[in-house]
Amino acid sequence: FKDEWSKVFHYKVENVRTGNGFQLDIDKIPEHLFFHDGDKRP
């Protein structure tokens, strides 16, 4: 877990302002950090 967590800091996450407030721009985050089936990408 620690090895995977350390990789998070190698990427830049940008805030995107929307009508409902701030949201993370998921396109800036590598997909291997998500626990999903590969089809339902948030």
PDB file of all heavy atoms in Angstrom:
ATOM      1  N   PHE A   1       0.829  -1.201   0.000  1.00  0.00           N
ATOM      2  CA  PHE A   1       0.000   0.000   0.000  1.00  0.00           C
ATOM      3  C   PHE A   1       0.867   1.257   0.000  1.00  0.00           C
ATOM      4  O   PHE A   1       0.610   2.214  -0.732  1.00  0.00           O
ATOM      5  CB  PHE A   1      -0.919   0.000   1.223  1.00  0.00           C
ATOM      6  CG  PHE A   1      -1.786   1.228   1.319  1.00  0.00           C
ATOM      7  CD1 PHE A   1      -3.011   1.285   0.684  1.00  0.00           C
ATOM      8  CD2 PHE A   1      -1.346   2.337   2.035  1.00  0.00           C
ATOM      9  CE1 PHE A   1      -3.796   2.427   0.761  1.00  0.00           C
ATOM     10  CE2 PHE A   1      -2.120   3.482   2.112  1.00  0.00           C
ATOM     11  CZ  PHE A   1      -3.355   3.527   1.477  1.00  0.00           C
ATOM     12  N   LYS A   2       1.911   1.233   0.802  1.00  0.00           N
ATOM     13  CA  LYS A   2       2.807   2.383   0.908  1.00  0.00           C
ATOM     14  C   LYS A   2       3.469   2.692  -0.427  1.00  0.00           C
ATOM     15  O   LYS A   2       3.604   3.864  -0.819  1.00  0.00           O
ATOM     16  CB  LYS A   2       3.869   2.113   1.979  1.00  0.00           C
ATOM     17  CG  LYS A   2       4.774   3.295   2.273  1.00  0.00           C
ATOM     18  CD  LYS A   2       5.770   2.950   3.374  1.00  0.00           C
ATOM     19  CE  LYS A   2       6.708   4.113   3.654  1.00  0.00           C
ATOM     20  NZ  LYS A   2       7.700   3.779   4.713  1.00  0.00           N
ATOM     21  N   ASP A   3       3.877   1.662  -1.142  1.00  0.00           N
ATOM     22  CA  ASP A   3       4.495   1.857  -2.458  1.00  0.00           C
ATOM     23  C   ASP A   3       3.519   2.511  -3.432  1.00  0.00           C
ATOM     24  O   ASP A   3       3.881   3.416  -4.189  1.00  0.00           O
ATOM     25  CB  ASP A   3       4.975   0.520  -3.026  1.00  0.00           C
ATOM     26  CG  ASP A   3       6.187  -0.024  -2.294  1.00  0.00           C
ATOM     27  OD1 ASP A   3       6.855   0.766  -1.597  1.00  0.00           O
ATOM     28  OD2 ASP A   3       6.453  -1.240  -2.401  1.00  0.00           O
ATOM     29  N   GLU A   4       2.265   2.031  -3.415  1.00  0.00           N
ATOM     30  CA  GLU A   4       1.254   2.613  -4.303  1.00  0.00           C
ATOM     31  C   GLU A   4       0.936   4.051  -3.898  1.00  0.00           C
ATOM     32  O   GLU A   4       0.778   4.927  -4.747  1.00  0.00           O
ATOM     33  CB  GLU A   4      -0.021   1.760  -4.264  1.00  0.00           C
ATOM     34  CG  GLU A   4       0.098   0.422  -4.958  1.00  0.00           C
ATOM     35  CD  GLU A   4       0.314   0.572  -6.453  1.00  0.00           C
ATOM     36  OE1 GLU A   4      -0.362   1.419  -7.078  1.00  0.00           O
ATOM     37  OE2 GLU A   4       1.178  -0.137  -6.992  1.00  0.00           O
ATOM     38  N   TRP A   5       0.839   4.274  -2.584  1.00  0.00           N
ATOM     39  CA  TRP A   5       0.512   5.613  -2.099  1.00  0.00           C
ATOM     40  C   TRP A   5       1.591   6.627  -2.468  1.00  0.00           C
ATOM     41  O   TRP A   5       1.296   7.780  -2.796  1.00  0.00           O
ATOM     42  CB  TRP A   5       0.328   5.556  -0.584  1.00  0.00           C
ATOM     43  CG  TRP A   5       0.023   6.883   0.066  1.00  0.00           C
ATOM     44  CD1 TRP A   5       0.801   7.561   0.952  1.00  0.00           C
ATOM     45  CD2 TRP A   5      -1.140   7.689  -0.137  1.00  0.00           C
ATOM     46  NE1 TRP A   5       0.190   8.748   1.320  1.00  0.00           N
ATOM     47  CE2 TRP A   5      -1.000   8.842   0.666  1.00  0.00           C
ATOM     48  CE3 TRP A   5      -2.283   7.541  -0.921  1.00  0.00           C
ATOM     49  CZ2 TRP A   5      -1.969   9.845   0.702  1.00  0.00           C
ATOM     50  CZ3 TRP A   5      -3.243   8.546  -0.885  1.00  0.00           C
ATOM     51  CH2 TRP A   5      -3.081   9.675  -0.078  1.00  0.00           C
ATOM     52  N   SER A   6       2.846   6.205  -2.451  1.00  0.00           N
ATOM     53  CA  SER A   6       3.943   7.116  -2.785  1.00  0.00           C
ATOM     54  C   SER A   6       3.863   7.572  -4.244  1.00  0.00           C
ATOM     55  O   SER A   6       4.320   8.672  -4.587  1.00  0.00           O
ATOM     56  CB  SER A   6       5.293   6.447  -2.523  1.00  0.00           C
ATOM     57  OG  SER A   6       5.501   5.351  -3.406  1.00  0.00           O
ATOM     58  N   LYS A   7       3.266   6.752  -5.104  1.00  0.00           N
ATOM     59  CA  LYS A   7       3.159   7.110  -6.527  1.00  0.00           C
ATOM     60  C   LYS A   7       2.163   8.231  -6.761  1.00  0.00           C
ATOM     61  O   LYS A   7       2.214   8.917  -7.793  1.00  0.00           O
ATOM     62  CB  LYS A   7       2.768   5.878  -7.342  1.00  0.00           C
ATOM     63  CG  LYS A   7       3.802   4.769  -7.325  1.00  0.00           C
ATOM     64  CD  LYS A   7       3.280   3.532  -8.037  1.00  0.00           C
ATOM     65  CE  LYS A   7       4.278   2.384  -7.924  1.00  0.00           C
ATOM     66  NZ  LYS A   7       3.763   1.132  -8.531  1.00  0.00           N
ATOM     67  N   VAL A   8       1.236   8.402  -5.822  1.00  0.00           N
ATOM     68  CA  VAL A   8       0.222   9.445  -5.976  1.00  0.00           C
ATOM     69  C   VAL A   8       0.879  10.813  -6.114  1.00  0.00           C
ATOM     70  O   VAL A   8       0.423  11.676  -6.878  1.00  0.00           O
ATOM     71  CB  VAL A   8      -0.746   9.438  -4.768  1.00  0.00           C
ATOM     72  CG1 VAL A   8      -1.688  10.644  -4.820  1.00  0.00           C
ATOM     73  CG2 VAL A   8      -1.538   8.145  -4.746  1.00  0.00           C
ATOM     74  N   PHE A   9       1.974  11.016  -5.404  1.00  0.00           N
ATOM     75  CA  PHE A   9       2.608  12.330  -5.371  1.00  0.00           C
ATOM     76  C   PHE A   9       3.433  12.629  -6.624  1.00  0.00           C
ATOM     77  O   PHE A   9       4.025  13.691  -6.740  1.00  0.00           O
ATOM     78  CB  PHE A   9       3.479  12.438  -4.116  1.00  0.00           C
ATOM     79  CG  PHE A   9       2.702  12.217  -2.852  1.00  0.00           C
ATOM     80  CD1 PHE A   9       2.785  11.000  -2.180  1.00  0.00           C
ATOM     81  CD2 PHE A   9       1.845  13.188  -2.359  1.00  0.00           C
ATOM     82  CE1 PHE A   9       2.062  10.782  -1.022  1.00  0.00           C
ATOM     83  CE2 PHE A   9       1.111  12.975  -1.204  1.00  0.00           C
ATOM     84  CZ  PHE A   9       1.213  11.759  -0.532  1.00  0.00           C
ATOM     85  N   HIS A  10       3.451  11.668  -7.546  1.00  0.00           N
ATOM     86  CA  HIS A  10       4.145  11.913  -8.811  1.00  0.00           C
ATOM     87  C   HIS A  10       3.229  12.572  -9.836  1.00  0.00           C
ATOM     88  O   HIS A  10       3.654  12.870 -10.944  1.00  0.00           O
ATOM     89  CB  HIS A  10       4.676  10.593  -9.386  1.00  0.00           C
ATOM     90  CG  HIS A  10       5.709   9.949  -8.518  1.00  0.00           C
ATOM     91  ND1 HIS A  10       6.134   8.655  -8.723  1.00  0.00           N
ATOM     92  CD2 HIS A  10       6.403  10.392  -7.447  1.00  0.00           C
ATOM     93  CE1 HIS A  10       7.037   8.336  -7.806  1.00  0.00           C
ATOM     94  NE2 HIS A  10       7.219   9.384  -7.030  1.00  0.00           N
ATOM     95  N   TYR A  11       1.964  12.773  -9.480  1.00  0.00           N
ATOM     96  CA  TYR A  11       0.986  13.287 -10.428  1.00  0.00           C
ATOM     97  C   TYR A  11       0.384  14.595  -9.927  1.00  0.00           C
ATOM     98  O   TYR A  11       0.309  14.853  -8.729  1.00  0.00           O
ATOM     99  CB  TYR A  11      -0.134  12.270 -10.657  1.00  0.00           C
ATOM    100  CG  TYR A  11       0.360  10.974 -11.234  1.00  0.00           C
ATOM    101  CD1 TYR A  11       0.722   9.915 -10.407  1.00  0.00           C
ATOM    102  CD2 TYR A  11       0.487  10.817 -12.612  1.00  0.00           C
ATOM    103  CE1 TYR A  11       1.204   8.726 -10.940  1.00  0.00           C
ATOM    104  CE2 TYR A  11       0.966   9.636 -13.147  1.00  0.00           C
ATOM    105  CZ  TYR A  11       1.314   8.594 -12.309  1.00  0.00           C
ATOM    106  OH  TYR A  11       1.782   7.422 -12.834  1.00  0.00           O
ATOM    107  N   LYS A  12      -0.047  15.384 -10.851  1.00  0.00           N
ATOM    108  CA  LYS A  12      -0.626  16.681 -10.525  1.00  0.00           C
ATOM    109  C   LYS A  12      -2.148  16.584 -10.627  1.00  0.00           C
ATOM    110  O   LYS A  12      -2.681  16.103 -11.620  1.00  0.00           O
ATOM    111  CB  LYS A  12      -0.099  17.741 -11.497  1.00  0.00           C
ATOM    112  CG  LYS A  12      -0.648  19.139 -11.240  1.00  0.00           C
ATOM    113  CD  LYS A  12      -0.086  20.118 -12.266  1.00  0.00           C
ATOM    114  CE  LYS A  12      -0.642  21.518 -12.034  1.00  0.00           C
ATOM    115  NZ  LYS A  12      -0.143  22.460 -13.074  1.00  0.00           N
ATOM    116  N   VAL A  13      -2.815  17.051  -9.584  1.00  0.00           N
ATOM    117  CA  VAL A  13      -4.277  17.063  -9.581  1.00  0.00           C
ATOM    118  C   VAL A  13      -4.731  18.516  -9.595  1.00  0.00           C
ATOM    119  O   VAL A  13      -4.293  19.329  -8.761  1.00  0.00           O
ATOM    120  CB  VAL A  13      -4.846  16.346  -8.332  1.00  0.00           C
ATOM    121  CG1 VAL A  13      -6.360  16.385  -8.350  1.00  0.00           C
ATOM    122  CG2 VAL A  13      -4.346  14.915  -8.278  1.00  0.00           C
ATOM    123  N   GLU A  14      -5.586  18.878 -10.538  1.00  0.00           N
ATOM    124  CA  GLU A  14      -6.037  20.250 -10.664  1.00  0.00           C
ATOM    125  C   GLU A  14      -7.505  20.369 -10.294  1.00  0.00           C
ATOM    126  O   GLU A  14      -8.319  19.493 -10.623  1.00  0.00           O
ATOM    127  CB  GLU A  14      -5.829  20.745 -12.093  1.00  0.00           C
ATOM    128  CG  GLU A  14      -4.364  20.780 -12.520  1.00  0.00           C
ATOM    129  CD  GLU A  14      -4.199  21.279 -13.939  1.00  0.00           C
ATOM    130  OE1 GLU A  14      -5.237  21.545 -14.599  1.00  0.00           O
ATOM    131  OE2 GLU A  14      -3.045  21.379 -14.399  1.00  0.00           O
ATOM    132  N   ASN A  15      -7.855  21.448  -9.622  1.00  0.00           N
ATOM    133  CA  ASN A  15      -9.249  21.745  -9.308  1.00  0.00           C
ATOM    134  C   ASN A  15      -9.924  22.397 -10.507  1.00  0.00           C
ATOM    135  O   ASN A  15      -9.339  23.273 -11.164  1.00  0.00           O
ATOM    136  CB  ASN A  15      -9.349  22.681  -8.104  1.00  0.00           C
ATOM    137  CG  ASN A  15      -9.080  21.957  -6.798  1.00  0.00           C
ATOM    138  OD1 ASN A  15      -9.361  20.774  -6.681  1.00  0.00           O
ATOM    139  ND2 ASN A  15      -8.533  22.670  -5.823  1.00  0.00           N
ATOM    140  N   VAL A  16     -11.123  21.977 -10.784  1.00  0.00           N
ATOM    141  CA  VAL A  16     -11.901  22.543 -11.881  1.00  0.00           C
ATOM    142  C   VAL A  16     -13.166  23.142 -11.291  1.00  0.00           C
ATOM    143  O   VAL A  16     -13.940  22.436 -10.633  1.00  0.00           O
ATOM    144  CB  VAL A  16     -12.249  21.470 -12.932  1.00  0.00           C
ATOM    145  CG1 VAL A  16     -13.098  22.073 -14.038  1.00  0.00           C
ATOM    146  CG2 VAL A  16     -10.976  20.863 -13.500  1.00  0.00           C
ATOM    147  N   ARG A  17     -13.384  24.429 -11.518  1.00  0.00           N
ATOM    148  CA  ARG A  17     -14.558  25.084 -10.950  1.00  0.00           C
ATOM    149  C   ARG A  17     -15.798  24.752 -11.785  1.00  0.00           C
ATOM    150  O   ARG A  17     -15.787  24.828 -13.007  1.00  0.00           O
ATOM    151  CB  ARG A  17     -14.371  26.592 -10.902  1.00  0.00           C
ATOM    152  CG  ARG A  17     -15.523  27.340 -10.235  1.00  0.00           C
ATOM    153  CD  ARG A  17     -15.268  28.838 -10.292  1.00  0.00           C
ATOM    154  NE  ARG A  17     -14.179  29.233  -9.418  1.00  0.00           N
ATOM    155  CZ  ARG A  17     -14.337  29.460  -8.114  1.00  0.00           C
ATOM    156  NH1 ARG A  17     -15.533  29.298  -7.544  1.00  0.00           N
ATOM    157  NH2 ARG A  17     -13.320  29.831  -7.380  1.00  0.00           N
ATOM    158  N   THR A  18     -16.856  24.332 -11.112  1.00  0.00           N
ATOM    159  CA  THR A  18     -18.130  24.035 -11.772  1.00  0.00           C
ATOM    160  C   THR A  18     -19.236  24.787 -11.051  1.00  0.00           C
ATOM    161  O   THR A  18     -19.013  25.463 -10.038  1.00  0.00           O
ATOM    162  CB  THR A  18     -18.438  22.533 -11.735  1.00  0.00           C
ATOM    163  OG1 THR A  18     -18.706  22.151 -10.377  1.00  0.00           O
ATOM    164  CG2 THR A  18     -17.286  21.720 -12.281  1.00  0.00           C
ATOM    165  N   GLY A  19     -20.449  24.639 -11.539  1.00  0.00           N
ATOM    166  CA  GLY A  19     -21.583  25.301 -10.911  1.00  0.00           C
ATOM    167  C   GLY A  19     -21.854  24.806  -9.508  1.00  0.00           C
ATOM    168  O   GLY A  19     -22.423  25.523  -8.673  1.00  0.00           O
ATOM    169  N   ASN A  20     -21.435  23.577  -9.220  1.00  0.00           N
ATOM    170  CA  ASN A  20     -21.678  22.994  -7.901  1.00  0.00           C
ATOM    171  C   ASN A  20     -20.488  23.131  -6.956  1.00  0.00           C
ATOM    172  O   ASN A  20     -20.469  22.562  -5.876  1.00  0.00           O
ATOM    173  CB  ASN A  20     -22.032  21.507  -8.040  1.00  0.00           C
ATOM    174  CG  ASN A  20     -23.297  21.305  -8.836  1.00  0.00           C
ATOM    175  OD1 ASN A  20     -24.220  22.090  -8.727  1.00  0.00           O
ATOM    176  ND2 ASN A  20     -23.325  20.259  -9.660  1.00  0.00           N
ATOM    177  N   GLY A  21     -19.467  23.852  -7.379  1.00  0.00           N
ATOM    178  CA  GLY A  21     -18.286  23.978  -6.525  1.00  0.00           C
ATOM    179  C   GLY A  21     -17.047  23.451  -7.229  1.00  0.00           C
ATOM    180  O   GLY A  21     -16.971  23.445  -8.463  1.00  0.00           O
ATOM    181  N   PHE A  22     -16.077  22.988  -6.465  1.00  0.00           N
ATOM    182  CA  PHE A  22     -14.833  22.468  -7.033  1.00  0.00           C
ATOM    183  C   PHE A  22     -14.912  20.962  -7.201  1.00  0.00           C
ATOM    184  O   PHE A  22     -15.486  20.255  -6.377  1.00  0.00           O
ATOM    185  CB  PHE A  22     -13.649  22.811  -6.132  1.00  0.00           C
ATOM    186  CG  PHE A  22     -13.247  24.252  -6.198  1.00  0.00           C
ATOM    187  CD1 PHE A  22     -13.645  25.131  -5.206  1.00  0.00           C
ATOM    188  CD2 PHE A  22     -12.501  24.729  -7.265  1.00  0.00           C
ATOM    189  CE1 PHE A  22     -13.281  26.466  -5.271  1.00  0.00           C
ATOM    190  CE2 PHE A  22     -12.125  26.057  -7.328  1.00  0.00           C
ATOM    191  CZ  PHE A  22     -12.518  26.938  -6.333  1.00  0.00           C
ATOM    192  N   GLN A  23     -14.329  20.454  -8.272  1.00  0.00           N
ATOM    193  CA  GLN A  23     -14.239  19.024  -8.505  1.00  0.00           C
ATOM    194  C   GLN A  23     -12.822  18.701  -8.974  1.00  0.00           C
ATOM    195  O   GLN A  23     -12.154  19.528  -9.584  1.00  0.00           O
ATOM    196  CB  GLN A  23     -15.249  18.575  -9.561  1.00  0.00           C
ATOM    197  CG  GLN A  23     -16.706  18.754  -9.114  1.00  0.00           C
ATOM    198  CD  GLN A  23     -17.658  18.351 -10.213  1.00  0.00           C
ATOM    199  OE1 GLN A  23     -17.438  18.652 -11.379  1.00  0.00           O
ATOM    200  NE2 GLN A  23     -18.718  17.668  -9.847  1.00  0.00           N
ATOM    201  N   LEU A  24     -12.390  17.480  -8.672  1.00  0.00           N
ATOM    202  CA  LEU A  24     -11.070  17.044  -9.145  1.00  0.00           C
ATOM    203  C   LEU A  24     -11.155  16.702 -10.627  1.00  0.00           C
ATOM    204  O   LEU A  24     -12.122  16.100 -11.079  1.00  0.00           O
ATOM    205  CB  LEU A  24     -10.611  15.805  -8.377  1.00  0.00           C
ATOM    206  CG  LEU A  24     -10.260  16.001  -6.911  1.00  0.00           C
ATOM    207  CD1 LEU A  24      -9.862  14.651  -6.315  1.00  0.00           C
ATOM    208  CD2 LEU A  24      -9.132  16.987  -6.739  1.00  0.00           C
ATOM    209  N   ASP A  25     -10.148  17.090 -11.358  1.00  0.00           N
ATOM    210  CA  ASP A  25     -10.056  16.718 -12.760  1.00  0.00           C
ATOM    211  C   ASP A  25      -9.472  15.315 -12.838  1.00  0.00           C
ATOM    212  O   ASP A  25      -8.269  15.119 -12.743  1.00  0.00           O
ATOM    213  CB  ASP A  25      -9.173  17.697 -13.512  1.00  0.00           C
ATOM    214  CG  ASP A  25      -9.162  17.419 -15.018  1.00  0.00           C
ATOM    215  OD1 ASP A  25      -9.723  16.384 -15.415  1.00  0.00           O
ATOM    216  OD2 ASP A  25      -8.597  18.229 -15.758  1.00  0.00           O
ATOM    217  N   ILE A  26     -10.331  14.303 -13.021  1.00  0.00           N
ATOM    218  CA  ILE A  26      -9.907  12.901 -12.969  1.00  0.00           C
ATOM    219  C   ILE A  26      -8.966  12.554 -14.118  1.00  0.00           C
ATOM    220  O   ILE A  26      -8.156  11.650 -14.024  1.00  0.00           O
ATOM    221  CB  ILE A  26     -11.137  11.975 -12.991  1.00  0.00           C
ATOM    222  CG1 ILE A  26     -12.004  12.257 -11.784  1.00  0.00           C
ATOM    223  CG2 ILE A  26     -10.723  10.510 -12.995  1.00  0.00           C
ATOM    224  CD1 ILE A  26     -11.275  12.096 -10.466  1.00  0.00           C
ATOM    225  N   ASP A  27      -9.037  13.317 -15.212  1.00  0.00           N
ATOM    226  CA  ASP A  27      -8.146  13.012 -16.331  1.00  0.00           C
ATOM    227  C   ASP A  27      -6.683  13.226 -15.974  1.00  0.00           C
ATOM    228  O   ASP A  27      -5.796  12.743 -16.659  1.00  0.00           O
ATOM    229  CB  ASP A  27      -8.505  13.892 -17.534  1.00  0.00           C
ATOM    230  CG  ASP A  27      -9.821  13.470 -18.162  1.00  0.00           C
ATOM    231  OD1 ASP A  27     -10.098  12.258 -18.118  1.00  0.00           O
ATOM    232  OD2 ASP A  27     -10.555  14.340 -18.652  1.00  0.00           O
ATOM    233  N   LYS A  28      -6.430  13.934 -14.875  1.00  0.00           N
ATOM    234  CA  LYS A  28      -5.046  14.154 -14.451  1.00  0.00           C
ATOM    235  C   LYS A  28      -4.537  13.028 -13.556  1.00  0.00           C
ATOM    236  O   LYS A  28      -3.386  13.010 -13.165  1.00  0.00           O
ATOM    237  CB  LYS A  28      -4.944  15.482 -13.683  1.00  0.00           C
ATOM    238  CG  LYS A  28      -5.390  16.697 -14.472  1.00  0.00           C
ATOM    239  CD  LYS A  28      -4.484  16.979 -15.641  1.00  0.00           C
ATOM    240  CE  LYS A  28      -4.918  18.246 -16.376  1.00  0.00           C
ATOM    241  NZ  LYS A  28      -4.066  18.526 -17.542  1.00  0.00           N
ATOM    242  N   ILE A  29      -5.435  12.110 -13.193  1.00  0.00           N
ATOM    243  CA  ILE A  29      -5.060  11.034 -12.276  1.00  0.00           C
ATOM    244  C   ILE A  29      -4.951   9.734 -13.063  1.00  0.00           C
ATOM    245  O   ILE A  29      -5.868   9.380 -13.814  1.00  0.00           O
ATOM    246  CB  ILE A  29      -6.103  10.874 -11.152  1.00  0.00           C
ATOM    247  CG1 ILE A  29      -6.297  12.212 -10.428  1.00  0.00           C
ATOM    248  CG2 ILE A  29      -5.666   9.797 -10.166  1.00  0.00           C
ATOM    249  CD1 ILE A  29      -7.361  12.175  -9.360  1.00  0.00           C
ATOM    250  N   PRO A  30      -3.860   8.985 -12.927  1.00  0.00           N
ATOM    251  CA  PRO A  30      -3.713   7.720 -13.673  1.00  0.00           C
ATOM    252  C   PRO A  30      -4.771   6.706 -13.272  1.00  0.00           C
ATOM    253  O   PRO A  30      -5.136   6.598 -12.106  1.00  0.00           O
ATOM    254  CB  PRO A  30      -2.310   7.238 -13.290  1.00  0.00           C
ATOM    255  CG  PRO A  30      -2.022   7.908 -11.993  1.00  0.00           C
ATOM    256  CD  PRO A  30      -2.712   9.233 -12.037  1.00  0.00           C
ATOM    257  N   GLU A  31      -5.257   5.952 -14.255  1.00  0.00           N
ATOM    258  CA  GLU A  31      -6.390   5.065 -14.005  1.00  0.00           C
ATOM    259  C   GLU A  31      -6.070   3.925 -13.064  1.00  0.00           C
ATOM    260  O   GLU A  31      -6.961   3.372 -12.430  1.00  0.00           O
ATOM    261  CB  GLU A  31      -6.906   4.495 -15.333  1.00  0.00           C
ATOM    262  CG  GLU A  31      -7.496   5.563 -16.224  1.00  0.00           C
ATOM    263  CD  GLU A  31      -8.320   4.951 -17.346  1.00  0.00           C
ATOM    264  OE1 GLU A  31      -9.037   3.981 -17.072  1.00  0.00           O
ATOM    265  OE2 GLU A  31      -8.221   5.421 -18.475  1.00  0.00           O
ATOM    266  N   HIS A  32      -4.780   3.532 -12.930  1.00  0.00           N
ATOM    267  CA  HIS A  32      -4.479   2.387 -12.073  1.00  0.00           C
ATOM    268  C   HIS A  32      -4.720   2.692 -10.602  1.00  0.00           C
ATOM    269  O   HIS A  32      -4.705   1.789  -9.766  1.00  0.00           O
ATOM    270  CB  HIS A  32      -3.030   1.927 -12.290  1.00  0.00           C
ATOM    271  CG  HIS A  32      -2.008   2.806 -11.631  1.00  0.00           C
ATOM    272  ND1 HIS A  32      -1.486   3.922 -12.239  1.00  0.00           N
ATOM    273  CD2 HIS A  32      -1.438   2.727 -10.407  1.00  0.00           C
ATOM    274  CE1 HIS A  32      -0.623   4.494 -11.434  1.00  0.00           C
ATOM    275  NE2 HIS A  32      -0.575   3.800 -10.303  1.00  0.00           N
ATOM    276  N   LEU A  33      -4.966   3.983 -10.261  1.00  0.00           N
ATOM    277  CA  LEU A  33      -5.238   4.325  -8.876  1.00  0.00           C
ATOM    278  C   LEU A  33      -6.698   4.093  -8.504  1.00  0.00           C
ATOM    279  O   LEU A  33      -7.073   4.221  -7.351  1.00  0.00           O
ATOM    280  CB  LEU A  33      -4.874   5.794  -8.606  1.00  0.00           C
ATOM    281  CG  LEU A  33      -3.389   6.132  -8.782  1.00  0.00           C
ATOM    282  CD1 LEU A  33      -3.152   7.608  -8.517  1.00  0.00           C
ATOM    283  CD2 LEU A  33      -2.538   5.292  -7.843  1.00  0.00           C
ATOM    284  N   PHE A  34      -7.544   3.783  -9.500  1.00  0.00           N
ATOM    285  CA  PHE A  34      -8.943   3.529  -9.221  1.00  0.00           C
ATOM    286  C   PHE A  34      -9.185   2.036  -9.089  1.00  0.00           C
ATOM    287  O   PHE A  34      -8.593   1.223  -9.780  1.00  0.00           O
ATOM    288  CB  PHE A  34      -9.840   4.067 -10.350  1.00  0.00           C
ATOM    289  CG  PHE A  34      -9.878   5.574 -10.398  1.00  0.00           C
ATOM    290  CD1 PHE A  34      -9.194   6.259 -11.376  1.00  0.00           C
ATOM    291  CD2 PHE A  34     -10.583   6.292  -9.455  1.00  0.00           C
ATOM    292  CE1 PHE A  34      -9.215   7.626 -11.424  1.00  0.00           C
ATOM    293  CE2 PHE A  34     -10.615   7.669  -9.492  1.00  0.00           C
ATOM    294  CZ  PHE A  34      -9.928   8.339 -10.477  1.00  0.00           C
ATOM    295  N   PHE A  35     -10.109   1.648  -8.207  1.00  0.00           N
ATOM    296  CA  PHE A  35     -10.523   0.265  -8.079  1.00  0.00           C
ATOM    297  C   PHE A  35     -11.829   0.124  -8.856  1.00  0.00           C
ATOM    298  O   PHE A  35     -12.920   0.342  -8.327  1.00  0.00           O
ATOM    299  CB  PHE A  35     -10.723  -0.116  -6.607  1.00  0.00           C
ATOM    300  CG  PHE A  35      -9.462  -0.084  -5.827  1.00  0.00           C
ATOM    301  CD1 PHE A  35      -9.044   1.044  -5.153  1.00  0.00           C
ATOM    302  CD2 PHE A  35      -8.657  -1.207  -5.789  1.00  0.00           C
ATOM    303  CE1 PHE A  35      -7.865   1.068  -4.451  1.00  0.00           C
ATOM    304  CE2 PHE A  35      -7.480  -1.201  -5.070  1.00  0.00           C
ATOM    305  CZ  PHE A  35      -7.090  -0.054  -4.411  1.00  0.00           C
ATOM    306  N   HIS A  36     -11.722  -0.211 -10.119  1.00  0.00           N
ATOM    307  CA  HIS A  36     -12.923  -0.352 -10.950  1.00  0.00           C
ATOM    308  C   HIS A  36     -12.658  -1.426 -11.986  1.00  0.00           C
ATOM    309  O   HIS A  36     -11.573  -1.971 -12.099  1.00  0.00           O
ATOM    310  CB  HIS A  36     -13.296   0.980 -11.604  1.00  0.00           C
ATOM    311  CG  HIS A  36     -12.217   1.533 -12.502  1.00  0.00           C
ATOM    312  ND1 HIS A  36     -12.079   1.155 -13.799  1.00  0.00           N
ATOM    313  CD2 HIS A  36     -11.215   2.419 -12.255  1.00  0.00           C
ATOM    314  CE1 HIS A  36     -11.063   1.790 -14.344  1.00  0.00           C
ATOM    315  NE2 HIS A  36     -10.516   2.554 -13.425  1.00  0.00           N
ATOM    316  N   ASP A  37     -13.694  -1.726 -12.766  1.00  0.00           N
ATOM    317  CA  ASP A  37     -13.594  -2.843 -13.700  1.00  0.00           C
ATOM    318  C   ASP A  37     -13.055  -2.440 -15.056  1.00  0.00           C
ATOM    319  O   ASP A  37     -13.025  -3.236 -15.979  1.00  0.00           O
ATOM    320  CB  ASP A  37     -14.959  -3.528 -13.869  1.00  0.00           C
ATOM    321  CG  ASP A  37     -16.013  -2.569 -14.421  1.00  0.00           C
ATOM    322  OD1 ASP A  37     -15.646  -1.425 -14.764  1.00  0.00           O
ATOM    323  OD2 ASP A  37     -17.188  -2.972 -14.495  1.00  0.00           O
ATOM    324  N   GLY A  38     -12.633  -1.182 -15.204  1.00  0.00           N
ATOM    325  CA  GLY A  38     -12.068  -0.756 -16.479  1.00  0.00           C
ATOM    326  C   GLY A  38     -13.080  -0.160 -17.425  1.00  0.00           C
ATOM    327  O   GLY A  38     -12.739   0.481 -18.399  1.00  0.00           O
ATOM    328  N   ASP A  39     -14.374  -0.359 -17.158  1.00  0.00           N
ATOM    329  CA  ASP A  39     -15.409   0.151 -18.044  1.00  0.00           C
ATOM    330  C   ASP A  39     -16.112   1.390 -17.463  1.00  0.00           C
ATOM    331  O   ASP A  39     -16.413   2.327 -18.169  1.00  0.00           O
ATOM    332  CB  ASP A  39     -16.461  -0.932 -18.310  1.00  0.00           C
ATOM    333  CG  ASP A  39     -15.913  -2.032 -19.184  1.00  0.00           C
ATOM    334  OD1 ASP A  39     -15.042  -1.751 -20.021  1.00  0.00           O
ATOM    335  OD2 ASP A  39     -16.368  -3.168 -19.030  1.00  0.00           O
ATOM    336  N   LYS A  40     -16.364   1.354 -16.168  1.00  0.00           N
ATOM    337  CA  LYS A  40     -17.139   2.414 -15.528  1.00  0.00           C
ATOM    338  C   LYS A  40     -16.197   3.432 -14.901  1.00  0.00           C
ATOM    339  O   LYS A  40     -16.097   3.550 -13.698  1.00  0.00           O
ATOM    340  CB  LYS A  40     -18.087   1.815 -14.492  1.00  0.00           C
ATOM    341  CG  LYS A  40     -19.055   0.816 -15.100  1.00  0.00           C
ATOM    342  CD  LYS A  40     -19.900   0.154 -14.027  1.00  0.00           C
ATOM    343  CE  LYS A  40     -20.836  -0.872 -14.637  1.00  0.00           C
ATOM    344  NZ  LYS A  40     -21.646  -1.575 -13.583  1.00  0.00           N
ATOM    345  N   ARG A  41     -15.492   4.160 -15.720  1.00  0.00           N
ATOM    346  CA  ARG A  41     -14.521   5.133 -15.233  1.00  0.00           C
ATOM    347  C   ARG A  41     -15.249   6.382 -14.758  1.00  0.00           C
ATOM    348  O   ARG A  41     -15.978   6.997 -15.520  1.00  0.00           O
ATOM    349  CB  ARG A  41     -13.546   5.480 -16.341  1.00  0.00           C
ATOM    350  CG  ARG A  41     -12.443   6.449 -15.932  1.00  0.00           C
ATOM    351  CD  ARG A  41     -11.441   6.568 -17.059  1.00  0.00           C
ATOM    352  NE  ARG A  41     -10.349   7.433 -16.677  1.00  0.00           N
ATOM    353  CZ  ARG A  41     -10.304   8.718 -16.992  1.00  0.00           C
ATOM    354  NH1 ARG A  41     -11.285   9.264 -17.661  1.00  0.00           N
ATOM    355  NH2 ARG A  41      -9.251   9.460 -16.610  1.00  0.00           N
ATOM    356  N   PRO A  42     -15.077   6.808 -13.495  1.00  0.00           N
ATOM    357  CA  PRO A  42     -15.767   7.998 -13.024  1.00  0.00           C
ATOM    358  C   PRO A  42     -15.264   9.239 -13.753  1.00  0.00           C
ATOM    359  O   PRO A  42     -14.088   9.352 -14.084  1.00  0.00           O
ATOM    360  CB  PRO A  42     -15.395   8.045 -11.536  1.00  0.00           C
ATOM    361  CG  PRO A  42     -14.113   7.299 -11.439  1.00  0.00           C
ATOM    362  CD  PRO A  42     -14.209   6.204 -12.471  1.00  0.00           C
TER     363      PRO A  42
END
